[in-house]
Protein backbone atom coordinates (compact mmCIF):
# COMPACT_ATOMS: atom_id res chain seq x y z
CA GLN A 1 -28.14 -44.48 52.82
CA VAL A 2 -26.39 -42.48 55.54
CA HIS A 3 -26.72 -42.51 59.30
CA LEU A 4 -26.25 -39.05 60.80
CA VAL A 5 -25.60 -37.86 64.37
CA GLU A 6 -25.84 -34.19 65.27
CA SER A 7 -24.00 -32.64 68.24
CA GLY A 8 -22.77 -29.30 69.61
CA GLY A 9 -25.98 -27.63 70.63
CA GLY A 10 -26.47 -25.86 73.94
CA LEU A 11 -27.60 -22.77 75.75
CA VAL A 12 -26.02 -19.49 74.65
CA GLN A 13 -26.68 -15.79 75.14
CA ALA A 14 -27.82 -13.58 72.26
CA GLY A 15 -24.81 -12.46 70.30
CA GLY A 16 -22.86 -15.56 71.14
CA SER A 17 -21.64 -18.43 68.96
CA LEU A 18 -22.05 -22.19 68.66
CA ARG A 19 -20.53 -24.77 66.33
CA LEU A 20 -22.71 -27.76 65.38
CA SER A 21 -21.35 -30.98 63.99
CA CYS A 22 -22.98 -33.76 61.91
CA ALA A 23 -21.14 -37.09 61.75
CA ALA A 24 -22.01 -39.55 58.97
CA SER A 25 -21.41 -43.26 58.96
CA SER A 26 -21.63 -44.02 55.23
CA PRO A 27 -18.42 -44.47 53.18
CA THR A 28 -20.32 -42.80 50.28
CA PHE A 29 -20.76 -39.52 52.24
CA SER A 30 -18.91 -37.49 49.67
CA THR A 31 -21.48 -38.36 46.95
CA TYR A 32 -24.20 -36.39 48.77
CA ALA A 33 -24.91 -32.70 48.96
CA MET A 34 -25.68 -31.92 52.57
CA GLY A 35 -27.75 -29.40 54.54
CA TRP A 36 -28.70 -28.14 57.96
CA PHE A 37 -32.36 -27.65 58.93
CA ARG A 38 -34.06 -26.45 62.09
CA HIS A 39 -37.39 -26.87 63.83
CA PRO A 40 -38.27 -23.94 66.06
CA PRO A 41 -40.91 -24.44 68.79
CA GLY A 42 -44.39 -24.00 67.42
CA LYS A 43 -43.25 -23.71 63.82
CA GLU A 44 -42.53 -26.09 60.94
CA ARG A 45 -39.12 -27.26 59.98
CA GLU A 46 -37.16 -24.79 57.83
CA SER A 47 -34.00 -24.94 55.74
CA VAL A 48 -30.88 -23.19 57.05
CA ALA A 49 -27.87 -23.93 54.80
CA THR A 50 -26.74 -26.36 52.17
CA ILE A 51 -23.37 -27.40 50.68
CA ASN A 52 -22.47 -29.32 47.55
CA ARG A 53 -20.60 -32.61 47.37
CA SER A 54 -17.10 -31.16 47.24
CA GLY A 55 -17.74 -28.24 49.55
CA SER A 56 -17.02 -25.66 46.87
CA SER A 57 -20.52 -24.12 46.86
CA THR A 58 -22.87 -23.15 49.65
CA PHE A 59 -26.34 -21.68 49.94
CA TYR A 60 -28.03 -19.99 52.95
CA THR A 61 -31.50 -18.89 53.85
CA ASN A 62 -31.68 -15.13 54.11
CA SER A 63 -32.24 -15.05 57.84
CA VAL A 64 -28.79 -16.59 58.60
CA LYS A 65 -26.80 -15.20 55.71
CA GLY A 66 -23.65 -13.50 56.97
CA ARG A 67 -23.96 -15.10 60.40
CA PHE A 68 -23.78 -18.88 59.78
CA THR A 69 -21.22 -20.88 57.80
CA ILE A 70 -21.65 -24.40 56.59
CA SER A 71 -18.60 -26.55 55.78
CA ARG A 72 -17.70 -30.18 55.30
CA ASP A 73 -14.77 -32.55 55.65
CA ASN A 74 -15.28 -35.49 53.36
CA ALA A 75 -12.22 -37.37 54.82
CA LYS A 76 -13.75 -37.14 58.29
CA LYS A 77 -17.32 -37.51 56.97
CA THR A 78 -18.56 -34.47 58.90
CA VAL A 79 -20.61 -31.38 58.18
CA THR A 80 -20.35 -28.35 60.48
CA LEU A 81 -22.44 -25.25 61.05
CA GLN A 82 -20.67 -22.36 62.59
CA MET A 83 -23.20 -19.96 64.08
CA ASN A 84 -22.27 -16.49 65.06
CA SER A 85 -24.24 -13.47 66.31
CA LEU A 86 -26.98 -15.77 67.52
CA LYS A 87 -30.48 -14.39 68.02
CA SER A 88 -33.41 -15.67 70.07
CA ASP A 89 -35.12 -16.52 66.74
CA ASP A 90 -32.40 -19.09 66.13
CA THR A 91 -33.69 -21.22 69.01
CA ALA A 92 -34.62 -24.60 67.54
CA VAL A 93 -33.66 -28.25 67.25
CA TYR A 94 -31.10 -28.41 64.45
CA TYR A 95 -30.84 -31.41 62.06
CA CYS A 96 -28.60 -32.33 59.20
CA SER A 97 -29.65 -34.30 56.11
CA ALA A 98 -28.56 -35.16 52.62
CA VAL A 99 -30.19 -32.80 50.14
CA GLU A 100 -30.95 -32.72 46.46
CA ASP A 101 -28.09 -31.78 44.22
CA LEU A 102 -29.58 -28.37 43.34
CA ILE A 103 -28.51 -26.93 46.69
CA ALA A 104 -30.36 -23.68 46.26
CA ALA A 105 -33.63 -25.64 46.41
CA MET A 106 -32.69 -26.81 49.91
CA ARG A 107 -34.81 -29.97 49.63
CA PRO A 108 -33.90 -32.64 52.26
CA LEU A 109 -33.64 -36.33 51.42
CA GLY A 110 -33.29 -37.73 54.87
CA PRO A 111 -32.74 -39.78 56.90
CA TRP A 112 -33.06 -37.62 60.01
CA GLY A 113 -31.17 -38.01 63.23
CA GLN A 114 -32.35 -36.91 66.66
CA GLY A 115 -31.08 -33.34 66.21
CA THR A 116 -29.33 -31.06 68.68
CA GLN A 117 -31.02 -28.35 70.75
CA VAL A 118 -29.90 -24.74 70.39
CA THR A 119 -31.36 -22.28 72.85
CA VAL A 120 -30.50 -18.60 72.62
CA SER A 121 -31.34 -16.45 75.61
CA SER A 122 -31.70 -12.71 75.85
C-alpha cells in the first residue's frame, strides 16, 4: 500500500504551463507502475498518463499527447506531470495512483489522495 499526496495545481492562463507532483510514502514505491488521472467538473474521472516501474516507458491519452510529460524519481519516490500548452478543457482535479502493470490499459489501483486543482482560464 502507498500513501500519495498531490501538489502543484493552480490557476493558469490558456497556453501556460504547470508542473504537478505526487509524493509517495511507501518504501516499495518503485515496484508500482504509476499514473495521473483527472476529474473535470461535471464529468467522470479519466486517465491522463501512465509510467512503468523504472520510468523507461510511458503512455498518454490522446488529448494530452505532445503537451504533457509524466516522469518519476524512484529515489525521491515522486511522480511528476509537466503540463504545457494548457487548454480550458484541462481544468480538473488531478490525482495520482498506482496502476496495473500494463500501462496502456491505464487502470488505477488506488489509493487516492485529495488531488490538486488545475484551473485554466481563457
